[in-house]
Amino acid sequence: QHGLSTADVLLGYLVAKDIVTLPKSVTPARIKSNLEGALAAA
């Protein structure tokens, strides 16, 4: 509905509630998308 990935929604759901969110990844593209996607979804 919002033009996001499911991971974005899962992370943004927490960030929107002012929960400090700590996604783990060792993949550069995923590390970047976790931050950008979470903020976009929030």
PDB file of all heavy atoms in Angstrom:
ATOM      1  N   GLN A   1       0.823  -1.218   0.000  1.00  0.00           N
ATOM      2  CA  GLN A   1       0.000   0.000   0.000  1.00  0.00           C
ATOM      3  C   GLN A   1       0.859   1.270   0.000  1.00  0.00           C
ATOM      4  O   GLN A   1       0.534   2.259  -0.662  1.00  0.00           O
ATOM      5  CB  GLN A   1      -0.900  -0.030   1.234  1.00  0.00           C
ATOM      6  CG  GLN A   1      -1.822   1.161   1.391  1.00  0.00           C
ATOM      7  CD  GLN A   1      -2.606   1.070   2.707  1.00  0.00           C
ATOM      8  OE1 GLN A   1      -2.976  -0.013   3.146  1.00  0.00           O
ATOM      9  NE2 GLN A   1      -2.830   2.201   3.346  1.00  0.00           N
ATOM     10  N   HIS A   2       1.975   1.222   0.732  1.00  0.00           N
ATOM     11  CA  HIS A   2       2.803   2.418   0.895  1.00  0.00           C
ATOM     12  C   HIS A   2       4.058   2.422   0.017  1.00  0.00           C
ATOM     13  O   HIS A   2       4.889   3.331   0.147  1.00  0.00           O
ATOM     14  CB  HIS A   2       3.226   2.554   2.363  1.00  0.00           C
ATOM     15  CG  HIS A   2       2.104   2.899   3.295  1.00  0.00           C
ATOM     16  ND1 HIS A   2       1.388   4.083   3.214  1.00  0.00           N
ATOM     17  CD2 HIS A   2       1.567   2.209   4.343  1.00  0.00           C
ATOM     18  CE1 HIS A   2       0.477   4.113   4.177  1.00  0.00           C
ATOM     19  NE2 HIS A   2       0.566   2.989   4.876  1.00  0.00           N
ATOM     20  N   GLY A   3       4.216   1.413  -0.839  1.00  0.00           N
ATOM     21  CA  GLY A   3       5.411   1.361  -1.687  1.00  0.00           C
ATOM     22  C   GLY A   3       6.677   1.078  -0.911  1.00  0.00           C
ATOM     23  O   GLY A   3       7.739   1.639  -1.181  1.00  0.00           O
ATOM     24  N   LEU A   4       6.573   0.190   0.066  1.00  0.00           N
ATOM     25  CA  LEU A   4       7.691  -0.179   0.931  1.00  0.00           C
ATOM     26  C   LEU A   4       7.935  -1.682   0.847  1.00  0.00           C
ATOM     27  O   LEU A   4       7.129  -2.410   0.280  1.00  0.00           O
ATOM     28  CB  LEU A   4       7.361   0.182   2.389  1.00  0.00           C
ATOM     29  CG  LEU A   4       7.083   1.656   2.699  1.00  0.00           C
ATOM     30  CD1 LEU A   4       6.350   1.785   4.035  1.00  0.00           C
ATOM     31  CD2 LEU A   4       8.391   2.446   2.742  1.00  0.00           C
ATOM     32  N   SER A   5       9.025  -2.149   1.435  1.00  0.00           N
ATOM     33  CA  SER A   5       9.216  -3.590   1.589  1.00  0.00           C
ATOM     34  C   SER A   5       8.611  -4.009   2.924  1.00  0.00           C
ATOM     35  O   SER A   5       8.385  -3.173   3.811  1.00  0.00           O
ATOM     36  CB  SER A   5      10.703  -3.952   1.562  1.00  0.00           C
ATOM     37  OG  SER A   5      11.333  -3.572   2.775  1.00  0.00           O
ATOM     38  N   THR A   6       8.376  -5.308   3.076  1.00  0.00           N
ATOM     39  CA  THR A   6       7.837  -5.795   4.354  1.00  0.00           C
ATOM     40  C   THR A   6       8.816  -5.520   5.490  1.00  0.00           C
ATOM     41  O   THR A   6       8.411  -5.141   6.592  1.00  0.00           O
ATOM     42  CB  THR A   6       7.521  -7.298   4.271  1.00  0.00           C
ATOM     43  OG1 THR A   6       6.623  -7.512   3.176  1.00  0.00           O
ATOM     44  CG2 THR A   6       6.862  -7.802   5.541  1.00  0.00           C
ATOM     45  N   ALA A   7      10.112  -5.669   5.215  1.00  0.00           N
ATOM     46  CA  ALA A   7      11.119  -5.369   6.246  1.00  0.00           C
ATOM     47  C   ALA A   7      11.034  -3.911   6.677  1.00  0.00           C
ATOM     48  O   ALA A   7      11.148  -3.594   7.876  1.00  0.00           O
ATOM     49  CB  ALA A   7      12.519  -5.691   5.727  1.00  0.00           C
ATOM     50  N   ASP A   8      10.813  -3.012   5.718  1.00  0.00           N
ATOM     51  CA  ASP A   8      10.660  -1.588   6.050  1.00  0.00           C
ATOM     52  C   ASP A   8       9.527  -1.392   7.051  1.00  0.00           C
ATOM     53  O   ASP A   8       9.663  -0.660   8.040  1.00  0.00           O
ATOM     54  CB  ASP A   8      10.340  -0.767   4.799  1.00  0.00           C
ATOM     55  CG  ASP A   8      11.436  -0.774   3.756  1.00  0.00           C
ATOM     56  OD1 ASP A   8      12.585  -1.098   4.100  1.00  0.00           O
ATOM     57  OD2 ASP A   8      11.132  -0.454   2.585  1.00  0.00           O
ATOM     58  N   VAL A   9       8.394  -2.044   6.783  1.00  0.00           N
ATOM     59  CA  VAL A   9       7.215  -1.895   7.645  1.00  0.00           C
ATOM     60  C   VAL A   9       7.507  -2.450   9.042  1.00  0.00           C
ATOM     61  O   VAL A   9       7.165  -1.827  10.055  1.00  0.00           O
ATOM     62  CB  VAL A   9       5.990  -2.596   7.028  1.00  0.00           C
ATOM     63  CG1 VAL A   9       4.827  -2.682   8.026  1.00  0.00           C
ATOM     64  CG2 VAL A   9       5.543  -1.853   5.770  1.00  0.00           C
ATOM     65  N   LEU A  10       8.143  -3.610   9.116  1.00  0.00           N
ATOM     66  CA  LEU A  10       8.437  -4.227  10.406  1.00  0.00           C
ATOM     67  C   LEU A  10       9.338  -3.326  11.254  1.00  0.00           C
ATOM     68  O   LEU A  10       9.150  -3.218  12.474  1.00  0.00           O
ATOM     69  CB  LEU A  10       9.102  -5.590  10.200  1.00  0.00           C
ATOM     70  CG  LEU A  10       8.234  -6.666   9.551  1.00  0.00           C
ATOM     71  CD1 LEU A  10       9.086  -7.885   9.207  1.00  0.00           C
ATOM     72  CD2 LEU A  10       7.065  -7.066  10.443  1.00  0.00           C
ATOM     73  N   LEU A  11      10.319  -2.689  10.622  1.00  0.00           N
ATOM     74  CA  LEU A  11      11.229  -1.802  11.353  1.00  0.00           C
ATOM     75  C   LEU A  11      10.571  -0.452  11.642  1.00  0.00           C
ATOM     76  O   LEU A  11      10.664   0.075  12.757  1.00  0.00           O
ATOM     77  CB  LEU A  11      12.522  -1.603  10.555  1.00  0.00           C
ATOM     78  CG  LEU A  11      13.369  -2.856  10.314  1.00  0.00           C
ATOM     79  CD1 LEU A  11      14.533  -2.548   9.384  1.00  0.00           C
ATOM     80  CD2 LEU A  11      13.885  -3.437  11.624  1.00  0.00           C
ATOM     81  N   GLY A  12       9.916   0.103  10.642  1.00  0.00           N
ATOM     82  CA  GLY A  12       9.286   1.401  10.810  1.00  0.00           C
ATOM     83  C   GLY A  12       8.182   1.391  11.847  1.00  0.00           C
ATOM     84  O   GLY A  12       7.943   2.392  12.535  1.00  0.00           O
ATOM     85  N   TYR A  13       7.498   0.258  11.988  1.00  0.00           N
ATOM     86  CA  TYR A  13       6.451   0.073  12.997  1.00  0.00           C
ATOM     87  C   TYR A  13       7.010   0.345  14.392  1.00  0.00           C
ATOM     88  O   TYR A  13       6.364   0.989  15.229  1.00  0.00           O
ATOM     89  CB  TYR A  13       5.926  -1.355  12.876  1.00  0.00           C
ATOM     90  CG  TYR A  13       5.205  -1.922  14.070  1.00  0.00           C
ATOM     91  CD1 TYR A  13       4.036  -1.347  14.557  1.00  0.00           C
ATOM     92  CD2 TYR A  13       5.681  -3.080  14.701  1.00  0.00           C
ATOM     93  CE1 TYR A  13       3.373  -1.896  15.645  1.00  0.00           C
ATOM     94  CE2 TYR A  13       5.021  -3.631  15.781  1.00  0.00           C
ATOM     95  CZ  TYR A  13       3.869  -3.040  16.257  1.00  0.00           C
ATOM     96  OH  TYR A  13       3.215  -3.584  17.335  1.00  0.00           O
ATOM     97  N   LEU A  14       8.220  -0.108  14.652  1.00  0.00           N
ATOM     98  CA  LEU A  14       8.856   0.099  15.950  1.00  0.00           C
ATOM     99  C   LEU A  14       9.391   1.518  16.091  1.00  0.00           C
ATOM    100  O   LEU A  14       9.182   2.177  17.116  1.00  0.00           O
ATOM    101  CB  LEU A  14       9.989  -0.921  16.144  1.00  0.00           C
ATOM    102  CG  LEU A  14       9.561  -2.390  16.116  1.00  0.00           C
ATOM    103  CD1 LEU A  14      10.780  -3.299  16.056  1.00  0.00           C
ATOM    104  CD2 LEU A  14       8.697  -2.741  17.321  1.00  0.00           C
ATOM    105  N   VAL A  15      10.077   1.995  15.053  1.00  0.00           N
ATOM    106  CA  VAL A  15      10.660   3.339  15.102  1.00  0.00           C
ATOM    107  C   VAL A  15       9.570   4.397  15.295  1.00  0.00           C
ATOM    108  O   VAL A  15       9.755   5.369  16.045  1.00  0.00           O
ATOM    109  CB  VAL A  15      11.477   3.616  13.818  1.00  0.00           C
ATOM    110  CG1 VAL A  15      11.940   5.069  13.762  1.00  0.00           C
ATOM    111  CG2 VAL A  15      12.684   2.678  13.743  1.00  0.00           C
ATOM    112  N   ALA A  16       8.427   4.200  14.659  1.00  0.00           N
ATOM    113  CA  ALA A  16       7.312   5.151  14.780  1.00  0.00           C
ATOM    114  C   ALA A  16       6.806   5.250  16.219  1.00  0.00           C
ATOM    115  O   ALA A  16       6.195   6.246  16.604  1.00  0.00           O
ATOM    116  CB  ALA A  16       6.169   4.737  13.853  1.00  0.00           C
ATOM    117  N   LYS A  17       7.073   4.204  17.015  1.00  0.00           N
ATOM    118  CA  LYS A  17       6.643   4.202  18.419  1.00  0.00           C
ATOM    119  C   LYS A  17       7.776   4.638  19.356  1.00  0.00           C
ATOM    120  O   LYS A  17       7.700   4.446  20.567  1.00  0.00           O
ATOM    121  CB  LYS A  17       6.137   2.805  18.807  1.00  0.00           C
ATOM    122  CG  LYS A  17       4.946   2.365  17.978  1.00  0.00           C
ATOM    123  CD  LYS A  17       4.101   1.321  18.657  1.00  0.00           C
ATOM    124  CE  LYS A  17       4.731  -0.042  18.689  1.00  0.00           C
ATOM    125  NZ  LYS A  17       3.798  -1.038  19.303  1.00  0.00           N
ATOM    126  N   ASP A  18       8.835   5.239  18.773  1.00  0.00           N
ATOM    127  CA  ASP A  18      10.001   5.700  19.548  1.00  0.00           C
ATOM    128  C   ASP A  18      10.697   4.557  20.290  1.00  0.00           C
ATOM    129  O   ASP A  18      11.222   4.734  21.397  1.00  0.00           O
ATOM    130  CB  ASP A  18       9.617   6.812  20.538  1.00  0.00           C
ATOM    131  CG  ASP A  18       9.486   8.165  19.852  1.00  0.00           C
ATOM    132  OD1 ASP A  18       9.979   8.314  18.718  1.00  0.00           O
ATOM    133  OD2 ASP A  18       8.886   9.074  20.446  1.00  0.00           O
ATOM    134  N   ILE A  19      10.705   3.392  19.664  1.00  0.00           N
ATOM    135  CA  ILE A  19      11.459   2.251  20.178  1.00  0.00           C
ATOM    136  C   ILE A  19      12.807   2.225  19.452  1.00  0.00           C
ATOM    137  O   ILE A  19      12.851   2.250  18.218  1.00  0.00           O
ATOM    138  CB  ILE A  19      10.706   0.931  19.930  1.00  0.00           C
ATOM    139  CG1 ILE A  19       9.383   0.922  20.712  1.00  0.00           C
ATOM    140  CG2 ILE A  19      11.565  -0.269  20.295  1.00  0.00           C
ATOM    141  CD1 ILE A  19       8.434  -0.191  20.303  1.00  0.00           C
ATOM    142  N   VAL A  20      13.896   2.220  20.210  1.00  0.00           N
ATOM    143  CA  VAL A  20      15.217   2.119  19.599  1.00  0.00           C
ATOM    144  C   VAL A  20      15.342   0.731  18.967  1.00  0.00           C
ATOM    145  O   VAL A  20      15.172  -0.285  19.648  1.00  0.00           O
ATOM    146  CB  VAL A  20      16.333   2.358  20.633  1.00  0.00           C
ATOM    147  CG1 VAL A  20      17.700   2.133  20.004  1.00  0.00           C
ATOM    148  CG2 VAL A  20      16.236   3.770  21.206  1.00  0.00           C
ATOM    149  N   THR A  21      15.602   0.701  17.672  1.00  0.00           N
ATOM    150  CA  THR A  21      15.480  -0.521  16.890  1.00  0.00           C
ATOM    151  C   THR A  21      16.851  -0.948  16.377  1.00  0.00           C
ATOM    152  O   THR A  21      17.596  -0.129  15.839  1.00  0.00           O
ATOM    153  CB  THR A  21      14.493  -0.286  15.727  1.00  0.00           C
ATOM    154  OG1 THR A  21      13.244   0.168  16.288  1.00  0.00           O
ATOM    155  CG2 THR A  21      14.243  -1.543  14.921  1.00  0.00           C
ATOM    156  N   LEU A  22      17.176  -2.242  16.554  1.00  0.00           N
ATOM    157  CA  LEU A  22      18.541  -2.728  16.323  1.00  0.00           C
ATOM    158  C   LEU A  22      18.584  -3.880  15.316  1.00  0.00           C
ATOM    159  O   LEU A  22      18.861  -5.023  15.670  1.00  0.00           O
ATOM    160  CB  LEU A  22      19.140  -3.192  17.666  1.00  0.00           C
ATOM    161  CG  LEU A  22      19.137  -2.126  18.775  1.00  0.00           C
ATOM    162  CD1 LEU A  22      19.436  -2.755  20.123  1.00  0.00           C
ATOM    163  CD2 LEU A  22      20.123  -1.012  18.451  1.00  0.00           C
ATOM    164  N   PRO A  23      18.322  -3.594  14.039  1.00  0.00           N
ATOM    165  CA  PRO A  23      18.411  -4.653  13.032  1.00  0.00           C
ATOM    166  C   PRO A  23      19.855  -5.083  12.831  1.00  0.00           C
ATOM    167  O   PRO A  23      20.774  -4.260  12.855  1.00  0.00           O
ATOM    168  CB  PRO A  23      17.856  -3.987  11.766  1.00  0.00           C
ATOM    169  CG  PRO A  23      18.117  -2.531  11.964  1.00  0.00           C
ATOM    170  CD  PRO A  23      17.974  -2.287  13.447  1.00  0.00           C
ATOM    171  N   LYS A  24      20.040  -6.377  12.629  1.00  0.00           N
ATOM    172  CA  LYS A  24      21.376  -6.931  12.414  1.00  0.00           C
ATOM    173  C   LYS A  24      21.530  -7.370  10.966  1.00  0.00           C
ATOM    174  O   LYS A  24      20.643  -8.000  10.399  1.00  0.00           O
ATOM    175  CB  LYS A  24      21.599  -8.105  13.367  1.00  0.00           C
ATOM    176  CG  LYS A  24      22.873  -8.896  13.107  1.00  0.00           C
ATOM    177  CD  LYS A  24      22.599 -10.229  12.437  1.00  0.00           C
ATOM    178  CE  LYS A  24      23.901 -10.852  11.951  1.00  0.00           C
ATOM    179  NZ  LYS A  24      23.695 -12.161  11.311  1.00  0.00           N
ATOM    180  N   SER A  25      22.649  -7.001  10.364  1.00  0.00           N
ATOM    181  CA  SER A  25      22.972  -7.505   9.040  1.00  0.00           C
ATOM    182  C   SER A  25      24.463  -7.353   8.829  1.00  0.00           C
ATOM    183  O   SER A  25      25.114  -6.511   9.454  1.00  0.00           O
ATOM    184  CB  SER A  25      22.225  -6.747   7.936  1.00  0.00           C
ATOM    185  OG  SER A  25      22.559  -7.274   6.668  1.00  0.00           O
ATOM    186  N   VAL A  26      25.025  -8.186   7.947  1.00  0.00           N
ATOM    187  CA  VAL A  26      26.424  -8.014   7.534  1.00  0.00           C
ATOM    188  C   VAL A  26      26.505  -7.724   6.031  1.00  0.00           C
ATOM    189  O   VAL A  26      27.587  -7.642   5.468  1.00  0.00           O
ATOM    190  CB  VAL A  26      27.283  -9.257   7.886  1.00  0.00           C
ATOM    191  CG1 VAL A  26      27.374  -9.435   9.404  1.00  0.00           C
ATOM    192  CG2 VAL A  26      26.735 -10.523   7.240  1.00  0.00           C
ATOM    193  N   THR A  27      25.351  -7.566   5.408  1.00  0.00           N
ATOM    194  CA  THR A  27      25.288  -7.304   3.968  1.00  0.00           C
ATOM    195  C   THR A  27      25.159  -5.802   3.734  1.00  0.00           C
ATOM    196  O   THR A  27      24.189  -5.190   4.207  1.00  0.00           O
ATOM    197  CB  THR A  27      24.058  -8.014   3.355  1.00  0.00           C
ATOM    198  OG1 THR A  27      24.084  -9.381   3.752  1.00  0.00           O
ATOM    199  CG2 THR A  27      24.054  -7.892   1.852  1.00  0.00           C
ATOM    200  N   PRO A  28      26.105  -5.177   3.014  1.00  0.00           N
ATOM    201  CA  PRO A  28      26.067  -3.714   2.851  1.00  0.00           C
ATOM    202  C   PRO A  28      24.735  -3.173   2.353  1.00  0.00           C
ATOM    203  O   PRO A  28      24.223  -2.194   2.909  1.00  0.00           O
ATOM    204  CB  PRO A  28      27.195  -3.453   1.844  1.00  0.00           C
ATOM    205  CG  PRO A  28      28.187  -4.543   2.115  1.00  0.00           C
ATOM    206  CD  PRO A  28      27.351  -5.755   2.450  1.00  0.00           C
ATOM    207  N   ALA A  29      24.151  -3.794   1.356  1.00  0.00           N
ATOM    208  CA  ALA A  29      22.880  -3.290   0.816  1.00  0.00           C
ATOM    209  C   ALA A  29      21.777  -3.368   1.856  1.00  0.00           C
ATOM    210  O   ALA A  29      20.948  -2.447   1.976  1.00  0.00           O
ATOM    211  CB  ALA A  29      22.490  -4.081  -0.430  1.00  0.00           C
ATOM    212  N   ARG A  30      21.759  -4.448   2.629  1.00  0.00           N
ATOM    213  CA  ARG A  30      20.731  -4.614   3.655  1.00  0.00           C
ATOM    214  C   ARG A  30      20.964  -3.657   4.821  1.00  0.00           C
ATOM    215  O   ARG A  30      20.017  -3.103   5.380  1.00  0.00           O
ATOM    216  CB  ARG A  30      20.722  -6.075   4.156  1.00  0.00           C
ATOM    217  CG  ARG A  30      19.730  -6.358   5.269  1.00  0.00           C
ATOM    218  CD  ARG A  30      18.304  -6.125   4.849  1.00  0.00           C
ATOM    219  NE  ARG A  30      17.876  -7.021   3.791  1.00  0.00           N
ATOM    220  CZ  ARG A  30      16.767  -6.882   3.085  1.00  0.00           C
ATOM    221  NH1 ARG A  30      15.984  -5.837   3.315  1.00  0.00           N
ATOM    222  NH2 ARG A  30      16.446  -7.735   2.150  1.00  0.00           N
ATOM    223  N   ILE A  31      22.216  -3.450   5.191  1.00  0.00           N
ATOM    224  CA  ILE A  31      22.537  -2.492   6.263  1.00  0.00           C
ATOM    225  C   ILE A  31      21.978  -1.120   5.907  1.00  0.00           C
ATOM    226  O   ILE A  31      21.341  -0.448   6.727  1.00  0.00           O
ATOM    227  CB  ILE A  31      24.069  -2.425   6.478  1.00  0.00           C
ATOM    228  CG1 ILE A  31      24.572  -3.723   7.124  1.00  0.00           C
ATOM    229  CG2 ILE A  31      24.450  -1.225   7.348  1.00  0.00           C
ATOM    230  CD1 ILE A  31      26.077  -3.874   7.144  1.00  0.00           C
ATOM    231  N   LYS A  32      22.188  -0.717   4.661  1.00  0.00           N
ATOM    232  CA  LYS A  32      21.719   0.590   4.197  1.00  0.00           C
ATOM    233  C   LYS A  32      20.191   0.633   4.121  1.00  0.00           C
ATOM    234  O   LYS A  32      19.556   1.580   4.593  1.00  0.00           O
ATOM    235  CB  LYS A  32      22.327   0.890   2.831  1.00  0.00           C
ATOM    236  CG  LYS A  32      22.089   2.310   2.354  1.00  0.00           C
ATOM    237  CD  LYS A  32      22.824   2.566   1.035  1.00  0.00           C
ATOM    238  CE  LYS A  32      22.606   4.006   0.574  1.00  0.00           C
ATOM    239  NZ  LYS A  32      23.187   4.263  -0.755  1.00  0.00           N
ATOM    240  N   SER A  33      19.589  -0.410   3.550  1.00  0.00           N
ATOM    241  CA  SER A  33      18.133  -0.392   3.371  1.00  0.00           C
ATOM    242  C   SER A  33      17.399  -0.507   4.704  1.00  0.00           C
ATOM    243  O   SER A  33      16.285   0.017   4.850  1.00  0.00           O
ATOM    244  CB  SER A  33      17.688  -1.503   2.415  1.00  0.00           C
ATOM    245  OG  SER A  33      17.895  -2.785   2.984  1.00  0.00           O
ATOM    246  N   ASN A  34      18.002  -1.165   5.691  1.00  0.00           N
ATOM    247  CA  ASN A  34      17.353  -1.246   7.011  1.00  0.00           C
ATOM    248  C   ASN A  34      17.174   0.141   7.613  1.00  0.00           C
ATOM    249  O   ASN A  34      16.124   0.450   8.187  1.00  0.00           O
ATOM    250  CB  ASN A  34      18.169  -2.117   7.964  1.00  0.00           C
ATOM    251  CG  ASN A  34      17.965  -3.601   7.739  1.00  0.00           C
ATOM    252  OD1 ASN A  34      17.002  -4.023   7.095  1.00  0.00           O
ATOM    253  ND2 ASN A  34      18.867  -4.415   8.271  1.00  0.00           N
ATOM    254  N   LEU A  35      18.190   0.987   7.489  1.00  0.00           N
ATOM    255  CA  LEU A  35      18.101   2.343   8.028  1.00  0.00           C
ATOM    256  C   LEU A  35      17.148   3.201   7.198  1.00  0.00           C
ATOM    257  O   LEU A  35      16.201   3.803   7.731  1.00  0.00           O
ATOM    258  CB  LEU A  35      19.498   2.978   8.065  1.00  0.00           C
ATOM    259  CG  LEU A  35      19.586   4.438   8.512  1.00  0.00           C
ATOM    260  CD1 LEU A  35      19.036   4.626   9.916  1.00  0.00           C
ATOM    261  CD2 LEU A  35      21.019   4.937   8.443  1.00  0.00           C
ATOM    262  N   GLU A  36      17.376   3.228   5.904  1.00  0.00           N
ATOM    263  CA  GLU A  36      16.560   4.089   5.038  1.00  0.00           C
ATOM    264  C   GLU A  36      15.100   3.638   5.012  1.00  0.00           C
ATOM    265  O   GLU A  36      14.185   4.464   5.072  1.00  0.00           O
ATOM    266  CB  GLU A  36      17.140   4.096   3.614  1.00  0.00           C
ATOM    267  CG  GLU A  36      18.510   4.757   3.544  1.00  0.00           C
ATOM    268  CD  GLU A  36      19.118   4.699   2.151  1.00  0.00           C
ATOM    269  OE1 GLU A  36      18.531   4.024   1.267  1.00  0.00           O
ATOM    270  OE2 GLU A  36      20.175   5.321   1.950  1.00  0.00           O
ATOM    271  N   GLY A  37      14.876   2.318   4.927  1.00  0.00           N
ATOM    272  CA  GLY A  37      13.518   1.791   4.865  1.00  0.00           C
ATOM    273  C   GLY A  37      12.755   2.004   6.151  1.00  0.00           C
ATOM    274  O   GLY A  37      11.558   2.329   6.139  1.00  0.00           O
ATOM    275  N   ALA A  38      13.439   1.836   7.286  1.00  0.00           N
ATOM    276  CA  ALA A  38      12.787   2.044   8.584  1.00  0.00           C
ATOM    277  C   ALA A  38      12.318   3.482   8.722  1.00  0.00           C
ATOM    278  O   ALA A  38      11.197   3.747   9.186  1.00  0.00           O
ATOM    279  CB  ALA A  38      13.746   1.688   9.715  1.00  0.00           C
ATOM    280  N   LEU A  39      13.163   4.428   8.326  1.00  0.00           N
ATOM    281  CA  LEU A  39      12.802   5.845   8.449  1.00  0.00           C
ATOM    282  C   LEU A  39      11.670   6.203   7.495  1.00  0.00           C
ATOM    283  O   LEU A  39      10.755   6.949   7.859  1.00  0.00           O
ATOM    284  CB  LEU A  39      14.029   6.721   8.184  1.00  0.00           C
ATOM    285  CG  LEU A  39      15.177   6.566   9.192  1.00  0.00           C
ATOM    286  CD1 LEU A  39      16.330   7.486   8.837  1.00  0.00           C
ATOM    287  CD2 LEU A  39      14.699   6.826  10.614  1.00  0.00           C
ATOM    288  N   ALA A  40      11.717   5.652   6.281  1.00  0.00           N
ATOM    289  CA  ALA A  40      10.643   5.913   5.311  1.00  0.00           C
ATOM    290  C   ALA A  40       9.318   5.363   5.819  1.00  0.00           C
ATOM    291  O   ALA A  40       8.275   6.035   5.753  1.00  0.00           O
ATOM    292  CB  ALA A  40      10.998   5.293   3.963  1.00  0.00           C
ATOM    293  N   ALA A  41       9.346   4.149   6.355  1.00  0.00           N
ATOM    294  CA  ALA A  41       8.118   3.526   6.848  1.00  0.00           C
ATOM    295  C   ALA A  41       7.570   4.259   8.074  1.00  0.00           C
ATOM    296  O   ALA A  41       6.356   4.436   8.217  1.00  0.00           O
ATOM    297  CB  ALA A  41       8.368   2.062   7.182  1.00  0.00           C
ATOM    298  N   ALA A  42       8.466   4.688   8.958  1.00  0.00           N
ATOM    299  CA  ALA A  42       8.023   5.395  10.157  1.00  0.00           C
ATOM    300  C   ALA A  42       7.263   6.671   9.792  1.00  0.00           C
ATOM    301  O   ALA A  42       6.332   7.080  10.491  1.00  0.00           O
ATOM    302  CB  ALA A  42       9.212   5.721  11.050  1.00  0.00           C
TER     303      ALA A  42
END
